[in-house]
Amino acid sequence: MDHPGELEQNGYVILEGVLKRHRIDALRRELEPHFDRRLFGRNPFEGRKTQRIYGLLSKSRLFDGLVEHPAVLDACEATLGPGFLLSVAHAILIHPGEVAQSLHHDDSFYPLPRPRKALGVSTIWALDDFTEDNGATRIVPGSHHWNGEETDESAAQPVIMPAGSVLIFLGTLYHGGGANRSTGTRLGLTIQYCPPWARQQENFILGVSADEVPDLSPRLQELIGYGIHPPFMGHVDGRHPLKALHT
């Protein structure tokens, strides 16, 4: 299937069965102690009945494979070009009683007029079944073409997908978390990417300790910022950042 082509046409693509049950369970076990210590969101956008775990790469190496998933990286390459960066990776646990999040697009950090080419690619990994009742992400198909002057909440539709699926969508696509009208929680991971010249949402140079960087794959090192974007963006004292790290 032409995932980049479908992404460009519709603004999103859903891949089911990407994560097997044992891997989902392992990821959940890694997150549980962090949620035990985490309060609810600080504002309506984060969600008053939603918990978020930021900085996943500093929590466990189990998340690395999701960041580097080939289908996701192919979509990023097609949309953002070579040298794209990881922008943020965090977990979102929506509790019963949470209201729907306002519609937004993830590359609004870069205040350039719409319509335009996407300046980001986002993913949402389902670690629970996403249902209409438990807070499934809402998307507006085709909204990546909107001019940004108005949003139509009535056009949003829930992304119904089983645990182990991943939703890949353009940074220009309008979306938002759904209301949780169920009696259980809904767990997902959001991992987002940006062009090589753009500022990342998450500061990985500080967020991932220098001692941990050698444990990352060369690809992941580049994704978090240990690389050079031609001609010389990202250097340290005129050298490749990894050379500076190892001295």
C-alpha atoms as a PDB file:
ATOM      1  CA  MET A   1       0.000   0.000   0.000  1.00  0.00           C
ATOM      2  CA  ASP A   2       1.176   3.515  -0.802  1.00  0.00           C
ATOM      3  CA  HIS A   3       1.060   4.965   2.698  1.00  0.00           C
ATOM      4  CA  PRO A   4       2.725   8.304   1.794  1.00  0.00           C
ATOM      5  CA  GLY A   5       0.321   8.731  -1.131  1.00  0.00           C
ATOM      6  CA  GLU A   6      -2.725   7.977   1.019  1.00  0.00           C
ATOM      7  CA  LEU A   7      -1.378  10.336   3.661  1.00  0.00           C
ATOM      8  CA  GLU A   8      -1.040  13.163   1.170  1.00  0.00           C
ATOM      9  CA  GLN A   9      -4.500  12.571  -0.298  1.00  0.00           C
ATOM     10  CA  ASN A  10      -6.537  12.080   2.888  1.00  0.00           C
ATOM     11  CA  GLY A  11      -4.308  13.695   5.490  1.00  0.00           C
ATOM     12  CA  TYR A  12      -4.051  10.453   7.483  1.00  0.00           C
ATOM     13  CA  VAL A  13      -3.612   6.697   7.287  1.00  0.00           C
ATOM     14  CA  ILE A  14      -4.386   3.948   9.829  1.00  0.00           C
ATOM     15  CA  LEU A  15      -2.187   0.852  10.117  1.00  0.00           C
ATOM     16  CA  GLU A  16      -3.657  -2.000  12.160  1.00  0.00           C
ATOM     17  CA  GLY A  17      -1.855  -4.891  13.814  1.00  0.00           C
ATOM     18  CA  VAL A  18       1.507  -3.138  14.030  1.00  0.00           C
ATOM     19  CA  LEU A  19       2.085  -4.032  17.694  1.00  0.00           C
ATOM     20  CA  LYS A  20       1.509  -7.543  19.028  1.00  0.00           C
ATOM     21  CA  ARG A  21      -0.159  -8.144  22.396  1.00  0.00           C
ATOM     22  CA  HIS A  22       3.055  -8.975  24.265  1.00  0.00           C
ATOM     23  CA  ARG A  23       4.643  -5.738  23.105  1.00  0.00           C
ATOM     24  CA  ILE A  24       1.607  -3.677  24.086  1.00  0.00           C
ATOM     25  CA  ASP A  25       1.689  -5.250  27.542  1.00  0.00           C
ATOM     26  CA  ALA A  26       5.404  -4.514  27.924  1.00  0.00           C
ATOM     27  CA  LEU A  27       4.896  -0.854  27.005  1.00  0.00           C
ATOM     28  CA  ARG A  28       2.031  -0.543  29.459  1.00  0.00           C
ATOM     29  CA  ARG A  29       4.141  -2.020  32.260  1.00  0.00           C
ATOM     30  CA  GLU A  30       6.846   0.566  31.599  1.00  0.00           C
ATOM     31  CA  LEU A  31       4.328   3.399  31.880  1.00  0.00           C
ATOM     32  CA  GLU A  32       2.336   2.269  34.933  1.00  0.00           C
ATOM     33  CA  PRO A  33       4.726   3.522  37.650  1.00  0.00           C
ATOM     34  CA  HIS A  34       4.991   6.909  35.948  1.00  0.00           C
ATOM     35  CA  PHE A  35       1.214   7.322  35.811  1.00  0.00           C
ATOM     36  CA  ASP A  36       1.032   6.427  39.509  1.00  0.00           C
ATOM     37  CA  ARG A  37       3.059   9.576  40.246  1.00  0.00           C
ATOM     38  CA  ARG A  38       1.524  11.892  37.641  1.00  0.00           C
ATOM     39  CA  LEU A  39      -1.249  14.410  38.251  1.00  0.00           C
ATOM     40  CA  PHE A  40      -3.925  15.404  35.744  1.00  0.00           C
ATOM     41  CA  GLY A  41      -3.469  18.063  33.070  1.00  0.00           C
ATOM     42  CA  ARG A  42      -2.670  21.675  33.947  1.00  0.00           C
ATOM     43  CA  ASN A  43      -5.196  23.218  31.556  1.00  0.00           C
ATOM     44  CA  PRO A  44      -8.192  22.255  29.395  1.00  0.00           C
ATOM     45  CA  PHE A  45      -5.966  21.463  26.407  1.00  0.00           C
ATOM     46  CA  GLU A  46      -3.873  18.954  28.374  1.00  0.00           C
ATOM     47  CA  GLY A  47      -7.128  17.707  29.897  1.00  0.00           C
ATOM     48  CA  ARG A  48      -8.342  18.049  33.471  1.00  0.00           C
ATOM     49  CA  LYS A  49      -8.995  14.296  33.537  1.00  0.00           C
ATOM     50  CA  THR A  50      -6.057  13.288  31.369  1.00  0.00           C
ATOM     51  CA  GLN A  51      -2.581  12.214  32.443  1.00  0.00           C
ATOM     52  CA  ARG A  52       0.475  12.757  30.260  1.00  0.00           C
ATOM     53  CA  ILE A  53       3.936  11.228  30.535  1.00  0.00           C
ATOM     54  CA  TYR A  54       6.469  13.357  28.692  1.00  0.00           C
ATOM     55  CA  GLY A  55       9.990  12.398  27.653  1.00  0.00           C
ATOM     56  CA  LEU A  56       9.405   8.749  26.749  1.00  0.00           C
ATOM     57  CA  LEU A  57      12.950   8.291  25.442  1.00  0.00           C
ATOM     58  CA  SER A  58      14.297   9.029  28.908  1.00  0.00           C
ATOM     59  CA  LYS A  59      11.982   6.426  30.459  1.00  0.00           C
ATOM     60  CA  SER A  60      12.744   3.206  28.564  1.00  0.00           C
ATOM     61  CA  ARG A  61      14.448   1.882  25.431  1.00  0.00           C
ATOM     62  CA  LEU A  62      11.219  -0.014  24.631  1.00  0.00           C
ATOM     63  CA  PHE A  63       9.857   3.124  22.974  1.00  0.00           C
ATOM     64  CA  ASP A  64      12.755   3.398  20.514  1.00  0.00           C
ATOM     65  CA  GLY A  65      11.273   0.917  18.062  1.00  0.00           C
ATOM     66  CA  LEU A  66       8.061   2.922  17.746  1.00  0.00           C
ATOM     67  CA  VAL A  67       9.979   6.118  17.012  1.00  0.00           C
ATOM     68  CA  GLU A  68      11.978   4.278  14.328  1.00  0.00           C
ATOM     69  CA  HIS A  69       9.159   2.217  12.806  1.00  0.00           C
ATOM     70  CA  PRO A  70       9.896   1.902   9.048  1.00  0.00           C
ATOM     71  CA  ALA A  71       6.375   2.777   7.853  1.00  0.00           C
ATOM     72  CA  VAL A  72       6.384   5.917   9.985  1.00  0.00           C
ATOM     73  CA  LEU A  73       9.856   6.975   8.854  1.00  0.00           C
ATOM     74  CA  ASP A  74       8.889   6.424   5.202  1.00  0.00           C
ATOM     75  CA  ALA A  75       5.888   8.726   5.649  1.00  0.00           C
ATOM     76  CA  CYS A  76       8.083  11.339   7.324  1.00  0.00           C
ATOM     77  CA  GLU A  77      10.695  11.165   4.572  1.00  0.00           C
ATOM     78  CA  ALA A  78       8.047  11.627   1.886  1.00  0.00           C
ATOM     79  CA  THR A  79       6.479  14.590   3.681  1.00  0.00           C
ATOM     80  CA  LEU A  80       9.369  16.328   5.437  1.00  0.00           C
ATOM     81  CA  GLY A  81      12.353  15.329   3.311  1.00  0.00           C
ATOM     82  CA  PRO A  82      15.678  13.886   4.452  1.00  0.00           C
ATOM     83  CA  GLY A  83      17.124  14.800   7.820  1.00  0.00           C
ATOM     84  CA  PHE A  84      13.766  15.241   9.591  1.00  0.00           C
ATOM     85  CA  LEU A  85      13.806  15.221  13.393  1.00  0.00           C
ATOM     86  CA  LEU A  86      11.823  13.714  16.227  1.00  0.00           C
ATOM     87  CA  SER A  87       9.836  16.540  17.798  1.00  0.00           C
ATOM     88  CA  VAL A  88       8.123  14.961  20.815  1.00  0.00           C
ATOM     89  CA  ALA A  89       7.205  11.579  22.305  1.00  0.00           C
ATOM     90  CA  HIS A  90       4.750  11.232  25.171  1.00  0.00           C
ATOM     91  CA  ALA A  91       1.939   9.060  26.516  1.00  0.00           C
ATOM     92  CA  ILE A  92      -1.672  10.166  27.020  1.00  0.00           C
ATOM     93  CA  LEU A  93      -4.076   8.428  29.414  1.00  0.00           C
ATOM     94  CA  ILE A  94      -7.653   9.716  29.123  1.00  0.00           C
ATOM     95  CA  HIS A  95      -9.799   8.995  32.191  1.00  0.00           C
ATOM     96  CA  PRO A  96     -13.601   8.582  32.379  1.00  0.00           C
ATOM     97  CA  GLY A  97     -15.410  11.916  32.400  1.00  0.00           C
ATOM     98  CA  GLU A  98     -12.885  13.737  30.232  1.00  0.00           C
ATOM     99  CA  VAL A  99     -14.443  16.116  27.703  1.00  0.00           C
ATOM    100  CA  ALA A 100     -13.457  16.367  24.062  1.00  0.00           C
ATOM    101  CA  GLN A 101     -10.302  18.327  23.337  1.00  0.00           C
ATOM    102  CA  SER A 102     -10.599  21.308  21.008  1.00  0.00           C
ATOM    103  CA  LEU A 103      -9.684  20.693  17.387  1.00  0.00           C
ATOM    104  CA  HIS A 104      -6.180  21.800  16.452  1.00  0.00           C
ATOM    105  CA  HIS A 105      -3.335  20.962  14.083  1.00  0.00           C
ATOM    106  CA  ASP A 106       0.056  19.906  15.407  1.00  0.00           C
ATOM    107  CA  ASP A 107       2.270  22.084  13.231  1.00  0.00           C
ATOM    108  CA  SER A 108       0.579  25.284  14.408  1.00  0.00           C
ATOM    109  CA  PHE A 109       3.814  25.920  16.350  1.00  0.00           C
ATOM    110  CA  TYR A 110       5.170  27.254  13.074  1.00  0.00           C
ATOM    111  CA  PRO A 111       2.940  30.290  12.361  1.00  0.00           C
ATOM    112  CA  LEU A 112       2.924  30.246   8.577  1.00  0.00           C
ATOM    113  CA  PRO A 113      -0.233  30.930   6.537  1.00  0.00           C
ATOM    114  CA  ARG A 114      -2.450  28.034   5.474  1.00  0.00           C
ATOM    115  CA  PRO A 115      -3.142  26.256   3.209  1.00  0.00           C
ATOM    116  CA  ARG A 116       0.444  25.043   2.908  1.00  0.00           C
ATOM    117  CA  LYS A 117       2.625  21.959   2.934  1.00  0.00           C
ATOM    118  CA  ALA A 118       2.644  20.131   6.251  1.00  0.00           C
ATOM    119  CA  LEU A 119       5.517  21.034   8.558  1.00  0.00           C
ATOM    120  CA  GLY A 120       5.098  17.961  10.694  1.00  0.00           C
ATOM    121  CA  VAL A 121       4.010  14.332  10.761  1.00  0.00           C
ATOM    122  CA  SER A 122       2.270  12.960  13.853  1.00  0.00           C
ATOM    123  CA  THR A 123       1.474   9.460  15.040  1.00  0.00           C
ATOM    124  CA  ILE A 124      -0.867   8.113  17.684  1.00  0.00           C
ATOM    125  CA  TRP A 125      -0.202   4.565  18.829  1.00  0.00           C
ATOM    126  CA  ALA A 126      -3.178   2.771  20.377  1.00  0.00           C
ATOM    127  CA  LEU A 127      -2.285   0.771  23.499  1.00  0.00           C
ATOM    128  CA  ASP A 128      -6.016   0.298  24.158  1.00  0.00           C
ATOM    129  CA  ASP A 129      -8.830  -0.243  21.700  1.00  0.00           C
ATOM    130  CA  PHE A 130      -9.897   3.227  20.540  1.00  0.00           C
ATOM    131  CA  THR A 131     -13.705   3.405  20.616  1.00  0.00           C
ATOM    132  CA  GLU A 132     -16.296   6.112  20.135  1.00  0.00           C
ATOM    133  CA  ASP A 133     -17.029   6.023  23.883  1.00  0.00           C
ATOM    134  CA  ASN A 134     -13.563   5.914  25.472  1.00  0.00           C
ATOM    135  CA  GLY A 135     -11.949   8.990  23.947  1.00  0.00           C
ATOM    136  CA  ALA A 136     -10.785   7.891  20.516  1.00  0.00           C
ATOM    137  CA  THR A 137      -8.925  10.631  18.688  1.00  0.00           C
ATOM    138  CA  ARG A 138     -11.217  12.693  16.464  1.00  0.00           C
ATOM    139  CA  ILE A 139     -10.019  13.771  13.013  1.00  0.00           C
ATOM    140  CA  VAL A 140     -11.450  15.854  10.190  1.00  0.00           C
ATOM    141  CA  PRO A 141     -10.560  14.088   6.924  1.00  0.00           C
ATOM    142  CA  GLY A 142      -9.370  16.546   4.299  1.00  0.00           C
ATOM    143  CA  SER A 143      -8.857  19.363   6.801  1.00  0.00           C
ATOM    144  CA  HIS A 144      -5.158  19.485   5.924  1.00  0.00           C
ATOM    145  CA  HIS A 145      -6.368  21.621   3.006  1.00  0.00           C
ATOM    146  CA  TRP A 146      -8.221  24.132   5.200  1.00  0.00           C
ATOM    147  CA  ASN A 147      -7.073  27.735   5.236  1.00  0.00           C
ATOM    148  CA  GLY A 148      -7.064  27.808   9.041  1.00  0.00           C
ATOM    149  CA  GLU A 149      -9.549  30.643   9.434  1.00  0.00           C
ATOM    150  CA  GLU A 150     -12.290  28.455  10.884  1.00  0.00           C
ATOM    151  CA  THR A 151     -12.870  24.921  12.135  1.00  0.00           C
ATOM    152  CA  ASP A 152     -15.969  22.774  11.859  1.00  0.00           C
ATOM    153  CA  GLU A 153     -16.363  20.607  14.986  1.00  0.00           C
ATOM    154  CA  SER A 154     -19.312  18.808  13.403  1.00  0.00           C
ATOM    155  CA  ALA A 155     -17.020  17.407  10.703  1.00  0.00           C
ATOM    156  CA  ALA A 156     -14.853  15.525  13.214  1.00  0.00           C
ATOM    157  CA  GLN A 157     -15.135  11.745  13.314  1.00  0.00           C
ATOM    158  CA  PRO A 158     -13.613   9.252  15.788  1.00  0.00           C
ATOM    159  CA  VAL A 159     -10.712   7.049  14.755  1.00  0.00           C
ATOM    160  CA  ILE A 160     -11.955   3.589  15.714  1.00  0.00           C
ATOM    161  CA  MET A 161      -8.981   1.218  15.801  1.00  0.00           C
ATOM    162  CA  PRO A 162      -7.888  -1.813  17.824  1.00  0.00           C
ATOM    163  CA  ALA A 163      -4.988  -1.806  20.257  1.00  0.00           C
ATOM    164  CA  GLY A 164      -1.723  -2.215  18.379  1.00  0.00           C
ATOM    165  CA  SER A 165      -2.715   0.178  15.598  1.00  0.00           C
ATOM    166  CA  VAL A 166      -1.042   3.442  14.657  1.00  0.00           C
ATOM    167  CA  LEU A 167      -2.659   6.543  13.185  1.00  0.00           C
ATOM    168  CA  ILE A 168      -0.247   8.545  11.009  1.00  0.00           C
ATOM    169  CA  PHE A 169      -1.368  12.029  10.010  1.00  0.00           C
ATOM    170  CA  LEU A 170      -0.084  15.304   8.628  1.00  0.00           C
ATOM    171  CA  GLY A 171       0.713  18.192  10.931  1.00  0.00           C
ATOM    172  CA  THR A 172      -1.888  20.257   9.077  1.00  0.00           C
ATOM    173  CA  LEU A 173      -4.770  17.843   9.808  1.00  0.00           C
ATOM    174  CA  TYR A 174      -7.285  19.075  12.387  1.00  0.00           C
ATOM    175  CA  HIS A 175      -7.866  16.604  15.209  1.00  0.00           C
ATOM    176  CA  GLY A 176      -8.399  16.359  18.964  1.00  0.00           C
ATOM    177  CA  GLY A 177      -8.822  13.883  21.768  1.00  0.00           C
ATOM    178  CA  GLY A 178     -12.330  12.536  22.210  1.00  0.00           C
ATOM    179  CA  ALA A 179     -14.597  12.626  25.263  1.00  0.00           C
ATOM    180  CA  ASN A 180     -14.351   9.553  27.482  1.00  0.00           C
ATOM    181  CA  ARG A 181     -17.918   8.473  28.266  1.00  0.00           C
ATOM    182  CA  SER A 182     -16.864   4.953  29.255  1.00  0.00           C
ATOM    183  CA  THR A 183     -15.935   3.504  32.642  1.00  0.00           C
ATOM    184  CA  GLY A 184     -12.329   2.749  31.657  1.00  0.00           C
ATOM    185  CA  THR A 185      -9.219   4.664  30.631  1.00  0.00           C
ATOM    186  CA  ARG A 186      -7.815   5.046  27.115  1.00  0.00           C
ATOM    187  CA  LEU A 187      -4.036   4.888  26.631  1.00  0.00           C
ATOM    188  CA  GLY A 188      -2.180   6.103  23.576  1.00  0.00           C
ATOM    189  CA  LEU A 189       1.264   7.364  22.630  1.00  0.00           C
ATOM    190  CA  THR A 190       1.843  10.406  20.450  1.00  0.00           C
ATOM    191  CA  ILE A 191       5.144  10.641  18.583  1.00  0.00           C
ATOM    192  CA  GLN A 192       5.663  13.608  16.283  1.00  0.00           C
ATOM    193  CA  TYR A 193       8.304  14.669  13.765  1.00  0.00           C
ATOM    194  CA  CYS A 194       9.377  17.994  12.254  1.00  0.00           C
ATOM    195  CA  PRO A 195      11.599  19.308   9.423  1.00  0.00           C
ATOM    196  CA  PRO A 196      15.364  19.415  10.062  1.00  0.00           C
ATOM    197  CA  TRP A 197      15.390  23.217  10.245  1.00  0.00           C
ATOM    198  CA  ALA A 198      12.501  23.527  12.725  1.00  0.00           C
ATOM    199  CA  ARG A 199      12.693  23.718  16.500  1.00  0.00           C
ATOM    200  CA  GLN A 200      11.621  20.502  18.236  1.00  0.00           C
ATOM    201  CA  GLN A 201       8.901  20.619  20.880  1.00  0.00           C
ATOM    202  CA  GLU A 202      10.990  18.496  23.225  1.00  0.00           C
ATOM    203  CA  ASN A 203      14.610  19.355  24.100  1.00  0.00           C
ATOM    204  CA  PHE A 204      16.173  15.928  23.652  1.00  0.00           C
ATOM    205  CA  ILE A 205      19.731  17.163  24.179  1.00  0.00           C
ATOM    206  CA  LEU A 206      18.820  17.788  27.815  1.00  0.00           C
ATOM    207  CA  GLY A 207      15.964  15.268  28.043  1.00  0.00           C
ATOM    208  CA  VAL A 208      18.138  12.285  27.078  1.00  0.00           C
ATOM    209  CA  SER A 209      21.308  12.277  29.158  1.00  0.00           C
ATOM    210  CA  ALA A 210      24.678  12.233  27.407  1.00  0.00           C
ATOM    211  CA  ASP A 211      25.397   8.887  29.086  1.00  0.00           C
ATOM    212  CA  GLU A 212      22.363   7.346  27.364  1.00  0.00           C
ATOM    213  CA  VAL A 213      23.104   8.587  23.840  1.00  0.00           C
ATOM    214  CA  PRO A 214      25.594   5.765  23.013  1.00  0.00           C
ATOM    215  CA  ASP A 215      22.807   3.267  23.795  1.00  0.00           C
ATOM    216  CA  LEU A 216      20.644   4.711  21.011  1.00  0.00           C
ATOM    217  CA  SER A 217      20.818   3.472  17.438  1.00  0.00           C
ATOM    218  CA  PRO A 218      22.647   5.774  14.987  1.00  0.00           C
ATOM    219  CA  ARG A 219      19.283   6.575  13.377  1.00  0.00           C
ATOM    220  CA  LEU A 220      17.717   7.556  16.670  1.00  0.00           C
ATOM    221  CA  GLN A 221      20.746   9.662  17.565  1.00  0.00           C
ATOM    222  CA  GLU A 222      20.178  11.627  14.361  1.00  0.00           C
ATOM    223  CA  LEU A 223      16.448  11.904  14.997  1.00  0.00           C
ATOM    224  CA  ILE A 224      16.900  13.585  18.377  1.00  0.00           C
ATOM    225  CA  GLY A 225      19.439  16.077  17.020  1.00  0.00           C
ATOM    226  CA  TYR A 226      22.871  14.481  17.008  1.00  0.00           C
ATOM    227  CA  GLY A 227      23.464  15.131  13.335  1.00  0.00           C
ATOM    228  CA  ILE A 228      24.316  17.805  10.776  1.00  0.00           C
ATOM    229  CA  HIS A 229      21.720  19.243   8.415  1.00  0.00           C
ATOM    230  CA  PRO A 230      23.520  20.598   5.323  1.00  0.00           C
ATOM    231  CA  PRO A 231      25.446  22.702   5.112  1.00  0.00           C
ATOM    232  CA  PHE A 232      26.308  22.907   8.821  1.00  0.00           C
ATOM    233  CA  MET A 233      23.195  23.279  10.983  1.00  0.00           C
ATOM    234  CA  GLY A 234      23.674  21.551  14.333  1.00  0.00           C
ATOM    235  CA  HIS A 235      27.458  21.669  14.647  1.00  0.00           C
ATOM    236  CA  VAL A 236      29.324  22.020  17.940  1.00  0.00           C
ATOM    237  CA  ASP A 237      32.428  24.206  17.639  1.00  0.00           C
ATOM    238  CA  GLY A 238      32.497  23.411  13.929  1.00  0.00           C
ATOM    239  CA  ARG A 239      32.320  19.645  14.442  1.00  0.00           C
ATOM    240  CA  HIS A 240      29.719  16.891  14.292  1.00  0.00           C
ATOM    241  CA  PRO A 241      27.885  16.840  17.655  1.00  0.00           C
ATOM    242  CA  LEU A 242      28.742  13.180  18.294  1.00  0.00           C
ATOM    243  CA  LYS A 243      32.443  13.987  18.065  1.00  0.00           C
ATOM    244  CA  ALA A 244      31.963  16.694  20.663  1.00  0.00           C
ATOM    245  CA  LEU A 245      30.008  14.262  22.842  1.00  0.00           C
ATOM    246  CA  HIS A 246      32.812  11.709  22.807  1.00  0.00           C
ATOM    247  CA  THR A 247      35.602  14.130  23.752  1.00  0.00           C
END
